[in-house]
Amino acid sequence: MLLDTGADLTLVPQSVADQLGVSPLPGQQYELAGFDGVHSWASAVILDLIWFGKAFRGRYLLTEDALGIIGRDVLNHLNVEFNGPALEWNVRS
């Protein structure tokens, strides 16, 4: 998963949902708009995401990309320190 402080929502790879046996919610499609102006549609799933010892239960959108994105819906609940010059980040408790 990638961290994206500009993304509003967390995106989970479809391949991960398939491995977990999680099906998309029926009839629920969400329009996504990228910073480049490209629009796409995504299905939603309900998941429990465990990240750095914290549980996040919610509706997450699926992506066909190999990597998912941890968005502000999760990051807003964590103390994340970014060190740009070192290309590092840490989650503090």
N, C-alpha and C. Protein backbone atom coordinates (compact mmCIF):
# COMPACT_ATOMS: atom_id res chain seq x y z
N MET A 1 0.84 -1.17 0.00
CA MET A 1 0.00 0.00 0.00
C MET A 1 0.89 1.24 0.00
N LEU A 2 0.46 2.24 -0.74
CA LEU A 2 1.13 3.53 -0.77
C LEU A 2 0.43 4.48 0.18
N LEU A 3 1.18 5.41 0.75
CA LEU A 3 0.58 6.48 1.54
C LEU A 3 0.35 7.65 0.61
N ASP A 4 -0.83 8.25 0.67
CA ASP A 4 -1.13 9.40 -0.19
C ASP A 4 -1.88 10.42 0.64
N THR A 5 -1.17 11.45 1.09
CA THR A 5 -1.79 12.45 1.96
C THR A 5 -2.78 13.32 1.21
N GLY A 6 -2.83 13.21 -0.11
CA GLY A 6 -3.79 13.97 -0.89
C GLY A 6 -5.03 13.17 -1.25
N ALA A 7 -4.99 11.86 -1.06
CA ALA A 7 -6.14 11.02 -1.41
C ALA A 7 -7.16 11.05 -0.28
N ASP A 8 -8.40 11.29 -0.63
CA ASP A 8 -9.47 11.33 0.38
C ASP A 8 -9.79 9.95 0.93
N LEU A 9 -9.69 8.94 0.07
CA LEU A 9 -10.15 7.61 0.42
C LEU A 9 -9.05 6.57 0.25
N THR A 10 -9.20 5.47 0.98
CA THR A 10 -8.30 4.34 0.85
C THR A 10 -8.80 3.43 -0.27
N LEU A 11 -7.88 3.00 -1.12
CA LEU A 11 -8.18 2.10 -2.23
C LEU A 11 -7.49 0.77 -1.99
N VAL A 12 -8.24 -0.31 -2.10
CA VAL A 12 -7.73 -1.66 -1.87
C VAL A 12 -7.66 -2.37 -3.23
N PRO A 13 -6.54 -3.03 -3.52
CA PRO A 13 -6.46 -3.76 -4.79
C PRO A 13 -7.53 -4.85 -4.89
N GLN A 14 -8.14 -4.95 -6.05
CA GLN A 14 -9.15 -5.98 -6.31
C GLN A 14 -8.57 -7.36 -6.03
N SER A 15 -7.30 -7.56 -6.36
CA SER A 15 -6.66 -8.87 -6.15
C SER A 15 -6.64 -9.25 -4.66
N VAL A 16 -6.49 -8.27 -3.78
CA VAL A 16 -6.51 -8.54 -2.34
C VAL A 16 -7.92 -8.92 -1.89
N ALA A 17 -8.92 -8.20 -2.38
CA ALA A 17 -10.31 -8.54 -2.04
C ALA A 17 -10.64 -9.94 -2.51
N ASP A 18 -10.15 -10.30 -3.71
CA ASP A 18 -10.38 -11.65 -4.23
C ASP A 18 -9.74 -12.71 -3.33
N GLN A 19 -8.51 -12.45 -2.89
CA GLN A 19 -7.82 -13.39 -2.01
C GLN A 19 -8.55 -13.57 -0.68
N LEU A 20 -9.17 -12.50 -0.21
CA LEU A 20 -9.91 -12.54 1.05
C LEU A 20 -11.31 -13.11 0.89
N GLY A 21 -11.75 -13.27 -0.35
CA GLY A 21 -13.10 -13.76 -0.61
C GLY A 21 -14.16 -12.73 -0.34
N VAL A 22 -13.81 -11.45 -0.45
CA VAL A 22 -14.74 -10.35 -0.19
C VAL A 22 -15.36 -9.89 -1.51
N SER A 23 -16.67 -9.83 -1.54
CA SER A 23 -17.38 -9.40 -2.74
C SER A 23 -17.74 -7.93 -2.65
N PRO A 24 -17.75 -7.24 -3.80
CA PRO A 24 -18.18 -5.83 -3.80
C PRO A 24 -19.63 -5.71 -3.35
N LEU A 25 -19.95 -4.59 -2.75
CA LEU A 25 -21.33 -4.32 -2.35
C LEU A 25 -22.18 -4.18 -3.60
N PRO A 26 -23.31 -4.85 -3.67
CA PRO A 26 -24.12 -4.82 -4.89
C PRO A 26 -24.69 -3.44 -5.18
N GLY A 27 -24.61 -3.05 -6.44
CA GLY A 27 -25.23 -1.79 -6.88
C GLY A 27 -24.57 -0.53 -6.39
N GLN A 28 -23.37 -0.62 -5.83
CA GLN A 28 -22.70 0.58 -5.32
C GLN A 28 -21.43 0.85 -6.12
N GLN A 29 -21.49 1.87 -6.93
CA GLN A 29 -20.35 2.33 -7.73
C GLN A 29 -20.08 3.79 -7.36
N TYR A 30 -18.82 4.12 -7.25
CA TYR A 30 -18.43 5.48 -6.87
C TYR A 30 -17.53 6.06 -7.95
N GLU A 31 -17.79 7.31 -8.30
CA GLU A 31 -16.97 7.98 -9.30
C GLU A 31 -15.74 8.56 -8.62
N LEU A 32 -14.59 8.29 -9.20
CA LEU A 32 -13.32 8.81 -8.70
C LEU A 32 -12.79 9.85 -9.67
N ALA A 33 -12.19 10.89 -9.14
CA ALA A 33 -11.57 11.91 -9.97
C ALA A 33 -10.11 12.05 -9.54
N GLY A 34 -9.20 11.83 -10.46
CA GLY A 34 -7.78 11.96 -10.17
C GLY A 34 -7.34 13.40 -10.31
N PHE A 35 -6.15 13.68 -9.78
CA PHE A 35 -5.60 15.04 -9.88
C PHE A 35 -5.31 15.42 -11.33
N ASP A 36 -5.19 14.42 -12.19
CA ASP A 36 -4.94 14.69 -13.60
C ASP A 36 -6.23 14.90 -14.38
N GLY A 37 -7.38 14.89 -13.68
CA GLY A 37 -8.66 15.14 -14.32
C GLY A 37 -9.32 13.89 -14.88
N VAL A 38 -8.68 12.75 -14.79
CA VAL A 38 -9.25 11.50 -15.29
C VAL A 38 -10.30 10.99 -14.30
N HIS A 39 -11.46 10.59 -14.84
CA HIS A 39 -12.55 10.05 -14.01
C HIS A 39 -12.64 8.55 -14.25
N SER A 40 -12.97 7.81 -13.18
CA SER A 40 -13.16 6.37 -13.27
C SER A 40 -14.21 5.97 -12.25
N TRP A 41 -14.60 4.69 -12.28
CA TRP A 41 -15.60 4.18 -11.37
C TRP A 41 -15.01 3.05 -10.54
N ALA A 42 -15.45 2.93 -9.29
CA ALA A 42 -14.92 1.89 -8.40
C ALA A 42 -16.06 1.28 -7.59
N SER A 43 -15.93 -0.01 -7.35
CA SER A 43 -16.86 -0.72 -6.45
C SER A 43 -16.36 -0.58 -5.03
N ALA A 44 -17.26 -0.84 -4.08
CA ALA A 44 -16.90 -0.72 -2.66
C ALA A 44 -17.03 -2.07 -1.96
N VAL A 45 -16.23 -2.23 -0.92
CA VAL A 45 -16.30 -3.40 -0.04
C VAL A 45 -16.27 -2.91 1.40
N ILE A 46 -16.78 -3.75 2.30
CA ILE A 46 -16.66 -3.48 3.73
C ILE A 46 -15.53 -4.37 4.25
N LEU A 47 -14.54 -3.75 4.87
CA LEU A 47 -13.37 -4.47 5.37
C LEU A 47 -12.96 -3.98 6.74
N ASP A 48 -12.28 -4.84 7.47
CA ASP A 48 -11.55 -4.45 8.66
C ASP A 48 -10.09 -4.36 8.25
N LEU A 49 -9.53 -3.17 8.30
CA LEU A 49 -8.14 -2.94 7.94
C LEU A 49 -7.35 -2.77 9.23
N ILE A 50 -6.35 -3.62 9.45
CA ILE A 50 -5.49 -3.51 10.62
C ILE A 50 -4.18 -2.93 10.15
N TRP A 51 -3.83 -1.78 10.69
CA TRP A 51 -2.61 -1.11 10.26
C TRP A 51 -1.93 -0.49 11.48
N PHE A 52 -0.70 -0.87 11.72
CA PHE A 52 0.07 -0.40 12.86
C PHE A 52 -0.68 -0.60 14.17
N GLY A 53 -1.33 -1.76 14.29
CA GLY A 53 -2.00 -2.13 15.53
C GLY A 53 -3.34 -1.45 15.76
N LYS A 54 -3.82 -0.70 14.79
CA LYS A 54 -5.12 -0.04 14.92
C LYS A 54 -6.07 -0.64 13.90
N ALA A 55 -7.33 -0.80 14.33
CA ALA A 55 -8.35 -1.37 13.45
C ALA A 55 -9.19 -0.27 12.83
N PHE A 56 -9.39 -0.38 11.55
CA PHE A 56 -10.22 0.57 10.80
C PHE A 56 -11.28 -0.24 10.06
N ARG A 57 -12.52 -0.13 10.50
CA ARG A 57 -13.61 -0.84 9.83
C ARG A 57 -14.37 0.17 8.99
N GLY A 58 -14.55 -0.17 7.74
CA GLY A 58 -15.28 0.78 6.91
C GLY A 58 -15.46 0.31 5.49
N ARG A 59 -15.93 1.25 4.69
CA ARG A 59 -16.18 1.03 3.27
C ARG A 59 -14.94 1.54 2.53
N TYR A 60 -14.34 0.64 1.79
CA TYR A 60 -13.15 0.98 1.02
C TYR A 60 -13.41 0.69 -0.44
N LEU A 61 -12.81 1.47 -1.30
CA LEU A 61 -13.02 1.30 -2.73
C LEU A 61 -11.96 0.38 -3.32
N LEU A 62 -12.33 -0.31 -4.39
CA LEU A 62 -11.44 -1.25 -5.04
C LEU A 62 -10.74 -0.60 -6.23
N THR A 63 -9.50 -0.99 -6.44
CA THR A 63 -8.73 -0.53 -7.59
C THR A 63 -8.17 -1.74 -8.32
N GLU A 64 -8.02 -1.61 -9.62
CA GLU A 64 -7.43 -2.68 -10.43
C GLU A 64 -5.90 -2.63 -10.35
N ASP A 65 -5.34 -1.57 -9.78
CA ASP A 65 -3.89 -1.45 -9.66
C ASP A 65 -3.34 -2.51 -8.71
N ALA A 66 -2.06 -2.84 -8.90
CA ALA A 66 -1.42 -3.84 -8.04
C ALA A 66 -1.20 -3.32 -6.62
N LEU A 67 -1.04 -2.00 -6.48
CA LEU A 67 -0.82 -1.38 -5.17
C LEU A 67 -2.06 -0.60 -4.76
N GLY A 68 -2.39 -0.67 -3.49
CA GLY A 68 -3.47 0.13 -2.95
C GLY A 68 -2.94 1.45 -2.43
N ILE A 69 -3.86 2.27 -1.93
CA ILE A 69 -3.51 3.59 -1.41
C ILE A 69 -4.14 3.76 -0.04
N ILE A 70 -3.35 4.13 0.95
CA ILE A 70 -3.87 4.52 2.26
C ILE A 70 -4.17 6.01 2.18
N GLY A 71 -5.44 6.36 2.28
CA GLY A 71 -5.86 7.75 2.13
C GLY A 71 -6.12 8.44 3.46
N ARG A 72 -6.63 9.67 3.36
CA ARG A 72 -6.88 10.50 4.55
C ARG A 72 -7.91 9.88 5.48
N ASP A 73 -8.82 9.04 4.97
CA ASP A 73 -9.81 8.42 5.85
C ASP A 73 -9.16 7.55 6.92
N VAL A 74 -7.96 7.04 6.65
CA VAL A 74 -7.18 6.27 7.63
C VAL A 74 -6.09 7.15 8.25
N LEU A 75 -5.37 7.87 7.41
CA LEU A 75 -4.23 8.66 7.90
C LEU A 75 -4.63 9.72 8.92
N ASN A 76 -5.84 10.24 8.83
CA ASN A 76 -6.28 11.27 9.78
C ASN A 76 -6.37 10.76 11.21
N HIS A 77 -6.31 9.45 11.40
CA HIS A 77 -6.39 8.85 12.75
C HIS A 77 -5.02 8.45 13.28
N LEU A 78 -3.97 8.77 12.55
CA LEU A 78 -2.62 8.36 12.93
C LEU A 78 -1.69 9.57 12.98
N ASN A 79 -0.63 9.43 13.76
CA ASN A 79 0.41 10.44 13.81
C ASN A 79 1.54 9.95 12.92
N VAL A 80 1.57 10.44 11.68
CA VAL A 80 2.56 10.00 10.70
C VAL A 80 3.58 11.11 10.49
N GLU A 81 4.85 10.76 10.60
CA GLU A 81 5.93 11.72 10.40
C GLU A 81 6.61 11.39 9.06
N PHE A 82 6.65 12.37 8.17
CA PHE A 82 7.29 12.21 6.87
C PHE A 82 8.64 12.91 6.87
N ASN A 83 9.67 12.22 6.41
CA ASN A 83 11.01 12.78 6.25
C ASN A 83 11.32 12.73 4.76
N GLY A 84 10.94 13.79 4.06
CA GLY A 84 11.11 13.84 2.62
C GLY A 84 12.52 13.65 2.13
N PRO A 85 13.50 14.38 2.68
CA PRO A 85 14.87 14.22 2.19
C PRO A 85 15.41 12.80 2.33
N ALA A 86 15.00 12.10 3.37
CA ALA A 86 15.47 10.72 3.59
C ALA A 86 14.57 9.68 2.94
N LEU A 87 13.45 10.15 2.34
CA LEU A 87 12.47 9.25 1.75
C LEU A 87 11.99 8.19 2.74
N GLU A 88 11.68 8.66 3.96
CA GLU A 88 11.23 7.78 5.04
C GLU A 88 9.95 8.33 5.67
N TRP A 89 9.21 7.44 6.29
CA TRP A 89 8.06 7.84 7.10
C TRP A 89 7.93 6.90 8.28
N ASN A 90 7.34 7.40 9.37
CA ASN A 90 7.15 6.62 10.59
C ASN A 90 5.77 6.93 11.16
N VAL A 91 5.15 5.91 11.73
CA VAL A 91 3.91 6.10 12.47
C VAL A 91 4.26 6.11 13.94
N ARG A 92 3.88 7.19 14.61
CA ARG A 92 4.16 7.31 16.04
C ARG A 92 2.93 6.95 16.84
N SER A 93 3.16 6.41 18.01
CA SER A 93 2.01 6.03 18.86
C SER A 93 1.56 7.19 19.69
